[in-house]
Amino acid sequence: MKEKKDKKEKKKKELTPEDILKYEIAAELGLKDKLAIVGWGGLTAQETGKIGGIMTQKKKQKAACSNVSGNASGSTAAQG
């Protein structure tokens, strides 16, 4: 009997940086209250698509910024 009780208890998942970004974007889009009530499964395809699209844009921007700063320092060292 104790095993069934343990399975029913939900463990809180530790948030990854990607999860944090997802929540931040949902809040920016005004979906924080809806998310608290219905969860991720209760959002429409349009809402989740918007969140995913913005996440992709931000990831690309972050990667581009890190590549530019990484290339700038690497290129000067190679020339030096």
Foldseek 3Di string as FASTA:
>chain_A
DVVVVVVPDDDDDDDDPLNVLLQVVCVVVVNNVVCVVPNPVPDDPVSVVVSVVVSVVVVVVVVVVVVVVVVVVVVVVVVD
